């Protein structure tokens, strides 16, 4: 069976990784120079894959560099955060079995941690911390990356995915202040933060009143160009003994507005539907198939919206230039200009819309296409 040439919904590696050469080089240099970074883009634009790739490249370049990864997706409390940080930092910096007990004793003796080893692999372990003890000295855990890096004479970069979730912590601002107060003094450790909720990440890192304002270098991801996608799609088809013309290859990302997740997904469906050659008819069929797969999800999402919010989406699909003009408000029954603003903000909070260069755009191009072709039928 031939390999599947298109990947989505998981970390993309190897030949499935498309372009991002500039961003990889930038992050690589940030990692090796211990410059903290914040990567911001809409969800499903490949931030996690980008950071993993940049980390691999950076560690090949600098043998003293180690990178650890924390996924904060399910983390909702300070206690969970400290435990995850302690576990991942220690795992990333402990290579041999006999070092585990030694390092735990050296860096965690005051907390008397509970250590559980995996029955399958003795180098895999989990540290359980006494929350009552950690609460008294949280700085000891927050400074752990710096202490270990300094002790081992290495560089350490801590990558935190879904970083915006710290906004759900009880007294989140105080917690952010603690992080900033400790991490800004580190010379042997740096931090890379990224997450799937763009507007929340912008709130944390670009608002002057927030603790993490100007903490590190901001990296705003652009979409991968249609030209790069076209080259990649043709190469992946060719690698599996199938063909697609340049014109049809560029049509796939065009349909998905160059959105990384959906370009890979649509290309995958086109590849599956092609025996030897992929043409426009197959692409159109695959696109319809994709929208139908998502139809129930999109219908349920639309059912949660108010009539005015739905009408605002229609006005955006129709490329109305002035959403708050009296003419647009009347034509689409949007209420008042104040109502338009409330609807816009609600749709941004729901991550249906986002604002790019002052223009409202759909975060999900498949949802936009479904609304246009099936819901509004415009």
Protein backbone atom coordinates (compact mmCIF):
# COMPACT_ATOMS: atom_id res chain seq x y z
CA UNK A 1 0.00 0.00 0.00
CA UNK A 2 1.47 3.42 -0.94
CA UNK A 3 2.21 5.89 1.80
CA UNK A 4 -0.38 8.58 2.52
CA UNK A 5 1.25 11.77 1.20
CA UNK A 6 -0.91 14.35 3.00
CA UNK A 7 -1.19 14.74 6.78
CA UNK A 8 -3.52 16.87 8.89
CA UNK A 9 -4.80 16.89 12.47
CA UNK A 10 -1.39 15.90 13.85
CA UNK A 11 2.17 17.17 14.10
CA UNK A 12 3.53 17.32 10.55
CA UNK A 13 7.07 16.06 9.99
CA UNK A 14 9.51 15.24 7.22
CA UNK A 15 8.27 15.49 3.65
CA UNK A 16 4.80 16.51 4.83
CA UNK A 17 6.14 19.79 6.22
CA UNK A 18 5.61 22.65 3.77
CA UNK A 19 7.90 25.68 3.48
CA UNK A 20 8.07 28.00 6.56
CA UNK A 21 11.82 28.29 5.92
CA UNK A 22 11.95 31.89 7.09
CA UNK A 23 10.02 31.18 10.31
CA UNK A 24 12.08 28.05 11.03
CA UNK A 25 15.33 30.00 10.66
CA UNK A 26 14.02 32.79 12.88
CA UNK A 27 12.86 30.42 15.64
CA UNK A 28 16.08 28.40 15.35
CA UNK A 29 18.11 31.54 15.99
CA UNK A 30 15.84 32.53 18.88
CA UNK A 31 16.28 29.09 20.46
CA UNK A 32 20.06 28.97 20.10
CA UNK A 33 20.45 32.55 21.38
CA UNK A 34 17.92 31.94 24.21
CA UNK A 35 15.55 34.65 23.02
CA UNK A 36 12.01 34.09 24.25
CA UNK A 37 9.42 33.92 21.47
CA UNK A 38 5.66 34.23 21.04
CA UNK A 39 4.14 32.63 17.94
CA UNK A 40 0.69 33.98 17.01
CA UNK A 41 -1.66 32.86 14.26
CA UNK A 42 -5.20 31.52 13.88
CA UNK A 43 -5.79 27.89 14.89
CA UNK A 44 -4.77 25.05 12.60
CA UNK A 45 -2.09 27.08 10.85
CA UNK A 46 0.64 24.66 11.92
CA UNK A 47 2.19 26.43 14.93
CA UNK A 48 2.94 23.22 16.84
CA UNK A 49 4.52 21.58 13.78
CA UNK A 50 6.58 24.71 13.14
CA UNK A 51 7.91 24.90 16.71
CA UNK A 52 8.80 21.18 16.73
CA UNK A 53 10.63 21.48 13.41
CA UNK A 54 12.52 24.61 14.54
CA UNK A 55 13.50 22.84 17.78
CA UNK A 56 14.91 19.87 15.85
CA UNK A 57 16.93 22.16 13.59
CA UNK A 58 18.18 24.23 16.53
CA UNK A 59 19.29 21.20 18.56
CA UNK A 60 21.20 19.84 15.56
CA UNK A 61 22.96 23.17 15.24
CA UNK A 62 23.72 23.60 18.97
CA UNK A 63 24.52 20.37 20.82
CA UNK A 64 24.26 22.12 24.19
CA UNK A 65 20.64 23.03 23.55
CA UNK A 66 17.71 21.03 24.90
CA UNK A 67 14.04 21.76 24.26
CA UNK A 68 11.06 20.57 26.28
CA UNK A 69 7.39 20.79 25.36
CA UNK A 70 4.40 21.48 27.59
CA UNK A 71 0.86 21.09 26.27
CA UNK A 72 -1.44 23.22 28.43
CA UNK A 73 -4.62 22.10 26.64
CA UNK A 74 -6.02 20.27 29.70
CA UNK A 75 -4.28 22.39 32.32
CA UNK A 76 -6.74 24.55 34.26
CA UNK A 77 -5.04 25.26 37.61
CA UNK A 78 -1.72 26.52 38.93
CA UNK A 79 -1.19 23.18 40.65
CA UNK A 80 -1.45 21.30 37.34
CA UNK A 81 0.85 23.82 35.68
CA UNK A 82 3.65 23.45 38.26
CA UNK A 83 3.46 19.67 38.13
CA UNK A 84 3.57 19.58 34.32
CA UNK A 85 6.46 22.06 34.20
CA UNK A 86 8.47 20.06 36.73
CA UNK A 87 7.85 16.77 34.93
CA UNK A 88 8.66 17.94 31.41
CA UNK A 89 11.75 19.94 32.35
CA UNK A 90 13.20 17.04 34.29
CA UNK A 91 12.40 14.53 31.53
CA UNK A 92 14.00 16.73 28.87
CA UNK A 93 17.21 17.11 30.87
CA UNK A 94 17.57 13.59 32.32
CA UNK A 95 19.02 11.10 29.88
CA UNK A 96 20.05 8.03 31.88
CA UNK A 97 18.24 5.91 34.47
CA UNK A 98 20.67 6.49 37.32
CA UNK A 99 20.34 10.28 36.87
CA UNK A 100 16.61 10.29 37.64
CA UNK A 101 16.84 9.73 41.39
CA UNK A 102 19.93 11.91 41.62
CA UNK A 103 18.25 14.89 39.91
CA UNK A 104 14.99 14.51 41.82
CA UNK A 105 16.91 14.52 45.07
CA UNK A 106 18.97 17.53 43.98
CA UNK A 107 16.14 19.74 42.71
CA UNK A 108 13.03 18.50 44.54
CA UNK A 109 14.14 17.39 48.00
CA UNK A 110 12.24 20.18 49.76
CA UNK A 111 8.94 19.07 48.15
CA UNK A 112 9.33 15.31 48.86
CA UNK A 113 7.84 14.31 45.50
CA UNK A 114 6.15 11.02 44.72
CA UNK A 115 7.87 9.34 41.76
CA UNK A 116 6.08 6.73 39.64
CA UNK A 117 8.03 4.73 37.05
CA UNK A 118 6.47 3.23 33.95
CA UNK A 119 6.13 -0.59 34.06
CA UNK A 120 6.94 -0.65 30.33
CA UNK A 121 9.99 1.63 30.20
CA UNK A 122 12.05 2.35 33.29
CA UNK A 123 13.29 5.70 31.95
CA UNK A 124 9.72 7.04 31.84
CA UNK A 125 8.51 8.51 35.11
CA UNK A 126 5.98 10.90 36.60
CA UNK A 127 6.56 13.25 39.52
CA UNK A 128 3.71 14.04 41.89
CA UNK A 129 4.17 17.21 43.95
CA UNK A 130 2.64 18.14 47.28
CA UNK A 131 0.54 21.18 46.36
CA UNK A 132 0.54 22.57 49.90
CA UNK A 133 4.33 22.65 49.85
CA UNK A 134 4.55 24.07 46.33
CA UNK A 135 2.15 26.89 47.24
CA UNK A 136 4.63 28.09 49.83
CA UNK A 137 7.53 28.27 47.36
CA UNK A 138 6.20 28.37 43.76
CA UNK A 139 9.33 30.23 42.64
CA UNK A 140 11.34 27.05 43.21
CA UNK A 141 9.40 25.33 40.41
CA UNK A 142 9.27 28.39 38.15
CA UNK A 143 13.05 28.75 38.37
CA UNK A 144 13.67 25.04 37.79
CA UNK A 145 14.52 25.44 34.06
CA UNK A 146 17.19 28.02 34.90
CA UNK A 147 18.63 25.98 37.81
CA UNK A 148 18.92 22.76 35.84
CA UNK A 149 20.33 24.47 32.75
CA UNK A 150 22.91 26.30 34.84
CA UNK A 151 23.84 23.17 36.80
CA UNK A 152 24.22 21.03 33.67
CA UNK A 153 25.90 23.79 31.65
CA UNK A 154 23.31 23.57 28.90
CA UNK A 155 20.79 25.85 27.22
CA UNK A 156 17.13 25.03 27.77
CA UNK A 157 14.07 26.24 25.87
CA UNK A 158 10.64 25.55 27.34
CA UNK A 159 7.88 25.50 24.70
CA UNK A 160 4.34 26.02 25.98
CA UNK A 161 1.49 25.09 23.64
CA UNK A 162 -2.04 26.45 24.29
CA UNK A 163 -0.45 29.08 26.51
CA UNK A 164 -3.63 31.17 26.49
CA UNK A 165 -5.19 28.59 28.86
CA UNK A 166 -3.48 30.29 31.80
CA UNK A 167 -6.24 32.87 31.34
CA UNK A 168 -8.63 30.31 32.85
CA UNK A 169 -6.64 29.99 36.09
CA UNK A 170 -8.06 31.41 39.28
CA UNK A 171 -6.51 34.88 39.72
CA UNK A 172 -4.78 34.53 36.35
CA UNK A 173 -3.18 37.98 36.37
CA UNK A 174 -1.35 37.29 39.64
CA UNK A 175 -0.11 34.01 38.22
CA UNK A 176 1.12 35.72 35.06
CA UNK A 177 2.97 38.25 37.21
CA UNK A 178 4.73 35.39 39.02
CA UNK A 179 5.77 33.81 35.74
CA UNK A 180 7.07 37.09 34.33
CA UNK A 181 8.90 38.08 37.52
CA UNK A 182 10.86 34.81 37.52
CA UNK A 183 11.32 34.02 33.84
CA UNK A 184 12.57 37.47 32.82
CA UNK A 185 15.67 36.92 34.97
CA UNK A 186 16.69 33.64 33.36
CA UNK A 187 19.95 33.60 31.39
CA UNK A 188 20.29 29.87 30.67
CA UNK A 189 16.64 29.17 29.85
CA UNK A 190 14.19 30.78 27.42
CA UNK A 191 10.52 30.31 26.60
CA UNK A 192 8.43 29.88 23.47
CA UNK A 193 4.68 30.43 23.87
CA UNK A 194 2.00 29.69 21.30
CA UNK A 195 -1.67 28.76 21.25
CA UNK A 196 -4.78 28.14 19.17
CA UNK A 197 -6.84 31.14 20.34
CA UNK A 198 -5.30 34.07 18.51
CA UNK A 199 -7.36 36.84 20.09
CA UNK A 200 -6.54 35.57 23.61
CA UNK A 201 -2.82 35.37 22.79
CA UNK A 202 -2.94 38.92 21.47
CA UNK A 203 -4.61 40.01 24.72
CA UNK A 204 -1.86 38.40 26.82
CA UNK A 205 1.16 39.62 24.85
CA UNK A 206 0.24 42.88 23.13
CA UNK A 207 -1.85 44.71 25.73
CA UNK A 208 0.29 47.15 27.72
CA UNK A 209 -1.52 46.49 31.00
CA UNK A 210 -0.79 42.73 30.89
CA UNK A 211 2.22 41.19 32.71
CA UNK A 212 3.63 39.53 29.57
CA UNK A 213 3.62 42.70 27.46
CA UNK A 214 6.93 42.87 25.52
CA UNK A 215 8.17 39.66 27.15
CA UNK A 216 9.71 38.25 23.98
CA UNK A 217 9.94 38.44 20.23
CA UNK A 218 6.50 38.34 18.56
CA UNK A 219 6.22 36.18 15.45
CA UNK A 220 3.01 36.54 13.43
CA UNK A 221 2.57 33.69 10.96
CA UNK A 222 1.43 34.43 7.44
CA UNK A 223 -0.37 31.93 5.25
CA UNK A 224 1.79 29.64 3.14
CA UNK A 225 1.67 30.97 -0.41
CA UNK A 226 -0.36 29.34 -3.17
CA UNK A 227 2.86 28.90 -5.15
CA UNK A 228 4.47 26.88 -2.34
CA UNK A 229 1.33 24.79 -1.87
CA UNK A 230 1.16 24.07 -5.62
CA UNK A 231 4.75 22.86 -5.70
CA UNK A 232 4.22 20.73 -2.57
CA UNK A 233 0.98 19.10 -3.85
CA UNK A 234 2.53 18.21 -7.21
CA UNK A 235 5.58 16.74 -5.49
CA UNK A 236 3.45 14.60 -3.12
CA UNK A 237 1.31 13.28 -5.97
CA UNK A 238 4.39 12.47 -8.02
CA UNK A 239 6.02 10.67 -5.07
CA UNK A 240 3.09 8.23 -5.02
CA UNK A 241 2.95 7.72 -8.80
CA UNK A 242 -0.06 9.94 -9.38
CA UNK A 243 -0.31 13.10 -11.47
CA UNK A 244 -1.93 16.50 -11.15
CA UNK A 245 -1.49 19.53 -13.41
CA UNK A 246 -0.07 22.82 -12.04
CA UNK A 247 -3.43 24.52 -12.70
CA UNK A 248 -5.37 21.91 -10.74
CA UNK A 249 -2.76 21.72 -7.98
CA UNK A 250 -3.06 25.47 -7.35
CA UNK A 251 -6.88 25.17 -7.33
CA UNK A 252 -6.79 23.04 -4.14
CA UNK A 253 -5.21 25.71 -1.87
CA UNK A 254 -7.26 28.40 -3.63
CA UNK A 255 -10.48 26.65 -2.57
CA UNK A 256 -9.21 26.48 1.02
CA UNK A 257 -7.74 30.02 1.06
CA UNK A 258 -4.27 28.55 1.70
CA UNK A 259 -5.35 27.32 5.16
CA UNK A 260 -2.72 24.63 6.08
CA UNK A 261 -5.05 22.15 7.79
CA UNK A 262 -7.72 22.27 5.10
CA UNK A 263 -5.28 22.29 2.17
CA UNK A 264 -3.77 19.06 3.48
CA UNK A 265 -7.23 17.56 4.12
CA UNK A 266 -8.62 18.48 0.70
CA UNK A 267 -5.44 17.33 -1.05
CA UNK A 268 -5.74 14.04 0.85
CA UNK A 269 -9.33 13.53 -0.37
CA UNK A 270 -8.32 14.41 -3.94
CA UNK A 271 -5.47 11.91 -3.75
CA UNK A 272 -7.79 9.17 -2.44
CA UNK A 273 -10.31 9.84 -5.22
CA UNK A 274 -7.63 9.71 -7.94
CA UNK A 275 -6.43 6.50 -9.53
CA UNK A 276 -3.67 7.87 -11.71
CA UNK A 277 -4.59 11.45 -12.52
CA UNK A 278 -6.39 14.16 -10.50
CA UNK A 279 -8.46 16.67 -12.45
CA UNK A 280 -10.83 19.56 -11.69
CA UNK A 281 -13.86 17.27 -11.53
CA UNK A 282 -12.24 15.16 -8.81
CA UNK A 283 -11.23 18.28 -6.85
CA UNK A 284 -14.78 19.67 -6.97
CA UNK A 285 -16.19 16.33 -5.84
CA UNK A 286 -13.66 16.10 -2.99
CA UNK A 287 -14.45 19.66 -1.89
CA UNK A 288 -18.19 18.85 -1.76
CA UNK A 289 -17.36 15.66 0.12
CA UNK A 290 -15.36 17.63 2.69
CA UNK A 291 -18.15 20.15 3.25
CA UNK A 292 -20.67 17.34 3.68
CA UNK A 293 -18.43 15.64 6.25
CA UNK A 294 -18.44 18.86 8.25
CA UNK A 295 -22.08 19.75 7.61
CA UNK A 296 -23.52 18.57 10.95
CA UNK A 297 -20.76 20.34 12.88
CA UNK A 298 -21.33 23.57 10.95
CA UNK A 299 -25.12 23.33 11.30
CA UNK A 300 -24.82 22.91 15.08
CA UNK A 301 -22.43 25.87 15.24
CA UNK A 302 -24.80 28.06 13.21
CA UNK A 303 -27.72 27.09 15.45
CA UNK A 304 -25.91 28.67 18.41
CA UNK A 305 -25.81 32.08 16.69
CA UNK A 306 -28.39 34.85 16.90
CA UNK A 307 -30.21 35.97 13.75
CA UNK A 308 -28.21 39.20 13.70
CA UNK A 309 -24.93 37.31 13.97
CA UNK A 310 -25.94 35.04 11.09
CA UNK A 311 -26.97 38.06 9.05
CA UNK A 312 -23.62 39.69 9.73
CA UNK A 313 -21.87 36.59 8.40
CA UNK A 314 -23.94 36.84 5.22
CA UNK A 315 -22.97 40.49 4.77
CA UNK A 316 -19.28 39.54 5.08
CA UNK A 317 -19.67 36.68 2.59
CA UNK A 318 -21.23 39.21 0.20
CA UNK A 319 -18.17 41.48 0.65
CA UNK A 320 -20.14 44.44 1.98
CA UNK A 321 -17.57 47.26 2.34
CA UNK A 322 -19.22 49.13 5.24
CA UNK A 323 -20.82 46.81 7.76
CA UNK A 324 -22.06 49.64 9.99
CA UNK A 325 -23.51 51.79 7.22
CA UNK A 326 -27.24 52.47 7.39
CA UNK A 327 -27.68 50.84 4.00
CA UNK A 328 -25.98 47.58 5.02
CA UNK A 329 -27.74 47.52 8.39
CA UNK A 330 -31.12 47.90 6.69
CA UNK A 331 -30.40 45.40 3.90
CA UNK A 332 -29.33 42.63 6.29
CA UNK A 333 -31.46 43.53 9.36
CA UNK A 334 -28.39 43.99 11.54
CA UNK A 335 -30.10 46.20 14.14
CA UNK A 336 -27.99 49.26 14.95
CA UNK A 337 -24.31 50.10 14.58
CA UNK A 338 -23.89 49.20 18.28
CA UNK A 339 -25.54 45.83 17.58
CA UNK A 340 -23.16 45.26 14.67
CA UNK A 341 -20.21 45.79 17.02
CA UNK A 342 -21.67 43.41 19.60
CA UNK A 343 -22.30 40.76 16.94
CA UNK A 344 -18.78 41.21 15.55
CA UNK A 345 -17.17 40.87 18.99
CA UNK A 346 -19.30 37.82 19.80
CA UNK A 347 -18.25 36.12 16.56
CA UNK A 348 -14.59 36.92 17.27
CA UNK A 349 -14.94 35.45 20.78
CA UNK A 350 -16.43 32.31 19.23
CA UNK A 351 -13.42 32.19 16.86
CA UNK A 352 -15.68 32.33 13.82
CA UNK A 353 -14.27 35.67 12.68
CA UNK A 354 -10.94 37.39 13.19
CA UNK A 355 -9.59 40.76 12.21
CA UNK A 356 -6.62 40.90 9.84
CA UNK A 357 -5.26 44.31 8.84
CA UNK A 358 -8.54 45.93 9.87
CA UNK A 359 -10.68 43.53 7.82
CA UNK A 360 -13.03 40.90 9.23
CA UNK A 361 -12.35 37.42 7.84
CA UNK A 362 -13.55 33.90 8.53
CA UNK A 363 -11.16 31.85 10.64
CA UNK A 364 -12.45 28.63 9.05
CA UNK A 365 -12.58 28.73 5.22
CA UNK A 366 -14.56 25.46 5.09
CA UNK A 367 -17.27 26.98 7.28
CA UNK A 368 -17.37 30.03 5.00
CA UNK A 369 -17.72 27.78 1.93
CA UNK A 370 -20.45 25.71 3.62
CA UNK A 371 -22.42 28.83 4.54
CA UNK A 372 -22.07 30.20 1.02
CA UNK A 373 -22.91 27.02 -0.87
CA UNK A 374 -25.34 25.21 1.43
CA UNK A 375 -26.78 27.51 4.08
CA UNK A 376 -27.20 30.82 2.27
CA UNK A 377 -26.84 29.34 -1.25
CA UNK A 378 -25.46 32.59 -2.64
